[in-house]
């Protein structure tokens, strides 16, 4: 868990900026978050597959696009759900830390 916290702190260095980012993302909803990330993964996977096929064979094979689409879809959904949970965990930790700093 310490390793994950270190990686998250490298990505989002500033806690107040992360709070604002996560609140906006959460307001837009989980479905929009998954669709956005998954579409990015699909596009990248298709570009990589086409590039690799052109380099190796000189043409694009028939099953390449379907395979790229499937891999991009699955990996995009899985990674999006993991990012959502990690973001919520970080958001909760920052909120607790801020509440403990606030004098009563």
N, C-alpha and C. Protein backbone atom coordinates (compact mmCIF):
# COMPACT_ATOMS: atom_id res chain seq x y z
N UNK A 1 0.82 -1.20 0.00
CA UNK A 1 0.00 0.00 0.00
C UNK A 1 0.86 1.26 0.00
N UNK A 2 2.05 1.17 0.64
CA UNK A 2 2.92 2.34 0.66
C UNK A 2 3.41 2.67 -0.74
N UNK A 3 3.67 1.63 -1.53
CA UNK A 3 4.12 1.85 -2.90
C UNK A 3 3.03 2.56 -3.72
N UNK A 4 1.78 2.14 -3.56
CA UNK A 4 0.69 2.79 -4.28
C UNK A 4 0.54 4.25 -3.86
N UNK A 5 0.69 4.51 -2.57
CA UNK A 5 0.60 5.89 -2.10
C UNK A 5 1.72 6.75 -2.67
N UNK A 6 2.91 6.18 -2.79
CA UNK A 6 4.03 6.93 -3.37
C UNK A 6 3.78 7.21 -4.84
N UNK A 7 3.26 6.22 -5.56
CA UNK A 7 2.97 6.43 -6.97
C UNK A 7 1.88 7.48 -7.16
N UNK A 8 0.86 7.44 -6.31
CA UNK A 8 -0.21 8.43 -6.41
C UNK A 8 0.32 9.83 -6.10
N UNK A 9 1.23 9.93 -5.14
CA UNK A 9 1.77 11.25 -4.81
C UNK A 9 2.64 11.79 -5.92
N UNK A 10 3.25 10.92 -6.73
CA UNK A 10 4.02 11.38 -7.88
C UNK A 10 3.10 11.92 -8.97
N UNK A 11 1.95 11.30 -9.14
CA UNK A 11 1.02 11.73 -10.18
C UNK A 11 0.32 13.03 -9.79
N UNK A 12 -0.22 13.08 -8.59
CA UNK A 12 -0.92 14.27 -8.10
C UNK A 12 -0.14 14.82 -6.92
N UNK A 13 0.79 15.73 -7.20
CA UNK A 13 1.66 16.26 -6.17
C UNK A 13 0.89 17.17 -5.23
N UNK A 14 0.03 17.98 -5.77
CA UNK A 14 -0.64 19.00 -4.98
C UNK A 14 -2.02 18.50 -4.53
N UNK A 15 -2.21 18.39 -3.22
CA UNK A 15 -3.47 17.87 -2.69
C UNK A 15 -4.68 18.74 -3.03
N UNK A 16 -4.62 20.08 -2.87
CA UNK A 16 -5.80 20.88 -3.21
C UNK A 16 -6.20 20.76 -4.68
N UNK A 17 -5.23 20.65 -5.57
CA UNK A 17 -5.57 20.48 -6.99
C UNK A 17 -6.23 19.13 -7.22
N UNK A 18 -5.75 18.11 -6.53
CA UNK A 18 -6.36 16.79 -6.67
C UNK A 18 -7.80 16.82 -6.16
N UNK A 19 -8.04 17.50 -5.04
CA UNK A 19 -9.41 17.57 -4.51
C UNK A 19 -10.36 18.20 -5.52
N UNK A 20 -9.92 19.27 -6.15
CA UNK A 20 -10.76 19.94 -7.15
C UNK A 20 -10.97 19.03 -8.35
N UNK A 21 -9.89 18.40 -8.83
CA UNK A 21 -9.98 17.49 -9.97
C UNK A 21 -10.94 16.34 -9.66
N UNK A 22 -10.79 15.73 -8.49
CA UNK A 22 -11.60 14.56 -8.18
C UNK A 22 -13.07 14.93 -7.98
N UNK A 23 -13.34 16.08 -7.38
CA UNK A 23 -14.73 16.51 -7.20
C UNK A 23 -15.41 16.74 -8.55
N UNK A 24 -14.68 17.34 -9.50
CA UNK A 24 -15.25 17.54 -10.84
C UNK A 24 -15.48 16.21 -11.54
N UNK A 25 -14.50 15.31 -11.42
CA UNK A 25 -14.62 14.00 -12.06
C UNK A 25 -15.77 13.21 -11.46
N UNK A 26 -15.90 13.25 -10.17
CA UNK A 26 -16.98 12.52 -9.49
C UNK A 26 -18.35 13.10 -9.86
N UNK A 27 -18.41 14.42 -10.03
CA UNK A 27 -19.68 15.06 -10.41
C UNK A 27 -20.11 14.64 -11.82
N UNK A 28 -19.14 14.43 -12.70
CA UNK A 28 -19.47 13.99 -14.07
C UNK A 28 -19.96 12.56 -14.10
N UNK A 29 -19.48 11.75 -13.18
CA UNK A 29 -19.98 10.39 -13.07
C UNK A 29 -19.00 9.32 -13.51
N UNK A 30 -19.24 8.13 -12.99
CA UNK A 30 -18.39 6.97 -13.26
C UNK A 30 -18.49 6.55 -14.73
N UNK A 31 -19.68 6.56 -15.28
CA UNK A 31 -19.87 6.10 -16.65
C UNK A 31 -19.10 6.98 -17.64
N UNK A 32 -19.16 8.28 -17.47
CA UNK A 32 -18.43 9.17 -18.36
C UNK A 32 -16.92 8.97 -18.20
N UNK A 33 -16.47 8.74 -16.98
CA UNK A 33 -15.06 8.50 -16.71
C UNK A 33 -14.59 7.23 -17.43
N UNK A 34 -15.38 6.17 -17.34
CA UNK A 34 -15.03 4.90 -17.99
C UNK A 34 -15.05 5.05 -19.51
N UNK A 35 -16.07 5.70 -20.05
CA UNK A 35 -16.17 5.86 -21.50
C UNK A 35 -15.00 6.68 -22.04
N UNK A 36 -14.63 7.74 -21.36
CA UNK A 36 -13.52 8.58 -21.82
C UNK A 36 -12.22 7.81 -21.81
N UNK A 37 -11.91 7.15 -20.70
CA UNK A 37 -10.66 6.40 -20.61
C UNK A 37 -10.64 5.22 -21.56
N UNK A 38 -11.74 4.53 -21.69
CA UNK A 38 -11.79 3.37 -22.58
C UNK A 38 -11.62 3.79 -24.03
N UNK A 39 -12.22 4.89 -24.43
CA UNK A 39 -12.05 5.33 -25.82
C UNK A 39 -10.60 5.70 -26.11
N UNK A 40 -9.92 6.28 -25.14
CA UNK A 40 -8.50 6.59 -25.32
C UNK A 40 -7.69 5.31 -25.48
N UNK A 41 -7.97 4.32 -24.65
CA UNK A 41 -7.27 3.03 -24.74
C UNK A 41 -7.53 2.36 -26.08
N UNK A 42 -8.76 2.39 -26.55
CA UNK A 42 -9.09 1.76 -27.83
C UNK A 42 -8.35 2.43 -28.98
N UNK A 43 -8.35 3.75 -28.99
CA UNK A 43 -7.67 4.48 -30.06
C UNK A 43 -6.17 4.17 -30.07
N UNK A 44 -5.56 4.19 -28.89
CA UNK A 44 -4.13 3.90 -28.80
C UNK A 44 -3.83 2.48 -29.25
N UNK A 45 -4.63 1.52 -28.82
CA UNK A 45 -4.39 0.12 -29.20
C UNK A 45 -4.55 -0.08 -30.71
N UNK A 46 -5.51 0.57 -31.33
CA UNK A 46 -5.70 0.45 -32.77
C UNK A 46 -4.51 1.05 -33.52
N UNK A 47 -4.05 2.22 -33.07
CA UNK A 47 -2.90 2.85 -33.71
C UNK A 47 -1.65 1.98 -33.59
N UNK A 48 -1.43 1.43 -32.40
CA UNK A 48 -0.26 0.58 -32.19
C UNK A 48 -0.36 -0.69 -33.05
N UNK A 49 -1.52 -1.31 -33.10
CA UNK A 49 -1.68 -2.54 -33.89
C UNK A 49 -1.48 -2.29 -35.37
N UNK A 50 -2.06 -1.22 -35.88
CA UNK A 50 -1.89 -0.91 -37.30
C UNK A 50 -0.42 -0.62 -37.61
N UNK A 51 0.21 0.15 -36.76
CA UNK A 51 1.62 0.47 -36.96
C UNK A 51 2.49 -0.77 -36.95
N UNK A 52 2.27 -1.65 -36.00
CA UNK A 52 3.07 -2.87 -35.90
C UNK A 52 2.83 -3.78 -37.10
N UNK A 53 1.60 -3.89 -37.56
CA UNK A 53 1.31 -4.72 -38.73
C UNK A 53 1.93 -4.16 -40.00
N UNK A 54 1.87 -2.86 -40.16
CA UNK A 54 2.46 -2.25 -41.35
C UNK A 54 3.97 -2.43 -41.34
N UNK A 55 4.57 -2.28 -40.17
CA UNK A 55 6.02 -2.46 -40.07
C UNK A 55 6.41 -3.90 -40.36
N UNK A 56 5.68 -4.86 -39.79
CA UNK A 56 6.09 -6.26 -39.93
C UNK A 56 5.64 -6.91 -41.24
N UNK A 57 4.45 -6.61 -41.71
CA UNK A 57 3.92 -7.32 -42.88
C UNK A 57 3.78 -6.44 -44.12
N UNK A 58 3.64 -5.17 -43.93
CA UNK A 58 3.42 -4.30 -45.07
C UNK A 58 1.95 -4.03 -45.34
N UNK A 59 1.06 -4.68 -44.61
CA UNK A 59 -0.37 -4.46 -44.77
C UNK A 59 -1.06 -4.79 -43.44
N UNK A 60 -2.33 -4.42 -43.32
CA UNK A 60 -3.10 -4.65 -42.11
C UNK A 60 -3.90 -5.94 -42.26
N UNK A 61 -3.77 -6.83 -41.31
CA UNK A 61 -4.53 -8.09 -41.36
C UNK A 61 -5.97 -7.84 -40.93
N UNK A 62 -6.85 -8.78 -41.27
CA UNK A 62 -8.28 -8.60 -41.01
C UNK A 62 -8.62 -8.57 -39.52
N UNK A 63 -8.07 -9.47 -38.74
CA UNK A 63 -8.43 -9.59 -37.33
C UNK A 63 -7.77 -8.59 -36.42
N UNK A 64 -6.88 -7.78 -36.97
CA UNK A 64 -6.11 -6.85 -36.15
C UNK A 64 -7.00 -5.81 -35.48
N UNK A 65 -7.89 -5.22 -36.23
CA UNK A 65 -8.72 -4.16 -35.68
C UNK A 65 -9.69 -4.69 -34.62
N UNK A 66 -10.25 -5.85 -34.86
CA UNK A 66 -11.16 -6.45 -33.88
C UNK A 66 -10.41 -6.81 -32.59
N UNK A 67 -9.23 -7.38 -32.74
CA UNK A 67 -8.42 -7.72 -31.58
C UNK A 67 -8.03 -6.46 -30.80
N UNK A 68 -7.60 -5.43 -31.51
CA UNK A 68 -7.22 -4.17 -30.86
C UNK A 68 -8.41 -3.54 -30.14
N UNK A 69 -9.56 -3.59 -30.79
CA UNK A 69 -10.77 -3.05 -30.19
C UNK A 69 -11.11 -3.79 -28.90
N UNK A 70 -11.03 -5.11 -28.93
CA UNK A 70 -11.35 -5.93 -27.75
C UNK A 70 -10.37 -5.69 -26.62
N UNK A 71 -9.08 -5.70 -26.93
CA UNK A 71 -8.07 -5.49 -25.90
C UNK A 71 -8.19 -4.08 -25.33
N UNK A 72 -8.39 -3.08 -26.18
CA UNK A 72 -8.55 -1.70 -25.71
C UNK A 72 -9.78 -1.55 -24.83
N UNK A 73 -10.87 -2.21 -25.21
CA UNK A 73 -12.10 -2.13 -24.43
C UNK A 73 -11.93 -2.75 -23.05
N UNK A 74 -11.39 -3.94 -23.00
CA UNK A 74 -11.21 -4.63 -21.72
C UNK A 74 -10.22 -3.90 -20.83
N UNK A 75 -9.06 -3.54 -21.38
CA UNK A 75 -8.06 -2.86 -20.56
C UNK A 75 -8.55 -1.48 -20.13
N UNK A 76 -9.27 -0.78 -20.99
CA UNK A 76 -9.79 0.53 -20.63
C UNK A 76 -10.78 0.47 -19.48
N UNK A 77 -11.67 -0.51 -19.51
CA UNK A 77 -12.65 -0.65 -18.43
C UNK A 77 -11.97 -1.02 -17.12
N UNK A 78 -11.06 -1.99 -17.18
CA UNK A 78 -10.37 -2.43 -15.95
C UNK A 78 -9.54 -1.31 -15.35
N UNK A 79 -8.76 -0.64 -16.17
CA UNK A 79 -7.90 0.44 -15.66
C UNK A 79 -8.75 1.60 -15.15
N UNK A 80 -9.84 1.91 -15.81
CA UNK A 80 -10.71 3.00 -15.35
C UNK A 80 -11.30 2.70 -13.98
N UNK A 81 -11.75 1.48 -13.78
CA UNK A 81 -12.31 1.11 -12.48
C UNK A 81 -11.24 1.16 -11.38
N UNK A 82 -10.05 0.71 -11.70
CA UNK A 82 -8.96 0.78 -10.72
C UNK A 82 -8.62 2.23 -10.40
N UNK A 83 -8.55 3.08 -11.41
CA UNK A 83 -8.27 4.50 -11.19
C UNK A 83 -9.36 5.16 -10.36
N UNK A 84 -10.60 4.78 -10.59
CA UNK A 84 -11.72 5.36 -9.84
C UNK A 84 -11.59 5.02 -8.35
N UNK A 85 -11.30 3.76 -8.06
CA UNK A 85 -11.17 3.32 -6.67
C UNK A 85 -9.95 3.97 -6.01
N UNK A 86 -8.83 4.02 -6.73
CA UNK A 86 -7.63 4.65 -6.17
C UNK A 86 -7.85 6.14 -5.93
N UNK A 87 -8.56 6.79 -6.84
CA UNK A 87 -8.86 8.21 -6.66
C UNK A 87 -9.75 8.45 -5.46
N UNK A 88 -10.74 7.59 -5.26
CA UNK A 88 -11.61 7.73 -4.10
C UNK A 88 -10.84 7.51 -2.81
N UNK A 89 -9.93 6.53 -2.82
CA UNK A 89 -9.11 6.26 -1.65
C UNK A 89 -8.23 7.46 -1.30
N UNK A 90 -7.61 8.02 -2.32
CA UNK A 90 -6.76 9.19 -2.09
C UNK A 90 -7.60 10.38 -1.61
N UNK A 91 -8.75 10.58 -2.21
CA UNK A 91 -9.64 11.67 -1.82
C UNK A 91 -10.04 11.53 -0.34
N UNK A 92 -10.37 10.32 0.07
CA UNK A 92 -10.75 10.07 1.47
C UNK A 92 -9.59 10.35 2.41
N UNK A 93 -8.39 9.94 2.03
CA UNK A 93 -7.23 10.16 2.88
C UNK A 93 -6.92 11.65 3.03
N UNK A 94 -7.03 12.39 1.94
CA UNK A 94 -6.76 13.83 2.00
C UNK A 94 -7.82 14.53 2.85
N UNK A 95 -9.08 14.13 2.70
CA UNK A 95 -10.15 14.71 3.51
C UNK A 95 -9.92 14.45 5.00
N UNK A 96 -9.54 13.21 5.35
CA UNK A 96 -9.26 12.89 6.75
C UNK A 96 -8.10 13.71 7.28
N UNK A 97 -7.06 13.85 6.45
CA UNK A 97 -5.89 14.62 6.86
C UNK A 97 -6.26 16.08 7.07
N UNK A 98 -7.08 16.64 6.19
CA UNK A 98 -7.50 18.02 6.32
C UNK A 98 -8.41 18.23 7.52
N UNK A 99 -9.26 17.25 7.82
CA UNK A 99 -10.15 17.36 8.99
C UNK A 99 -9.35 17.29 10.29
N UNK A 100 -8.31 16.49 10.31
CA UNK A 100 -7.51 16.38 11.53
C UNK A 100 -6.67 17.64 11.76
N UNK A 101 -6.33 18.36 10.69
CA UNK A 101 -5.58 19.60 10.84
C UNK A 101 -6.45 20.76 11.29
N UNK A 102 -7.74 20.70 10.98
CA UNK A 102 -8.65 21.80 11.29
C UNK A 102 -8.93 21.83 12.79
N UNK A 103 -8.67 22.96 13.46
CA UNK A 103 -8.96 23.04 14.90
C UNK A 103 -10.45 23.14 15.14
N UNK A 104 -10.89 22.55 16.25
CA UNK A 104 -12.32 22.57 16.58
C UNK A 104 -12.61 23.54 17.68
